């Protein structure tokens, strides 16, 4: 089953442009999953699980945390854990739900 893939940017905490990706199944989605990568990674690392879940009718979001992949910011750096949580919260609030 082919999933619809979209990408975009949104403003994270402190105004940085953060990159996200979304894959939606062609039919009705059973649920929404959000994958958050670790340090030194990026959202494209999840192609296998994305294919697995979209083939089972799940919508999947990934994002590049600040300073990773296609997102702005000093490489692999955040001022605090709370700043990362705010970035993720912004994705969830404005795009995933």
Foldseek 3Di string as FASTA:
>chain_A
DAWDKDKDWDAAPPGWTKIKMKTFAPDAAPEEEEDEDDAPAFFVVCPVVCVVRSVVRHMYMYIGFDQGDPIHHPHRDDPDPVRRVRRVVCCCVPPRD
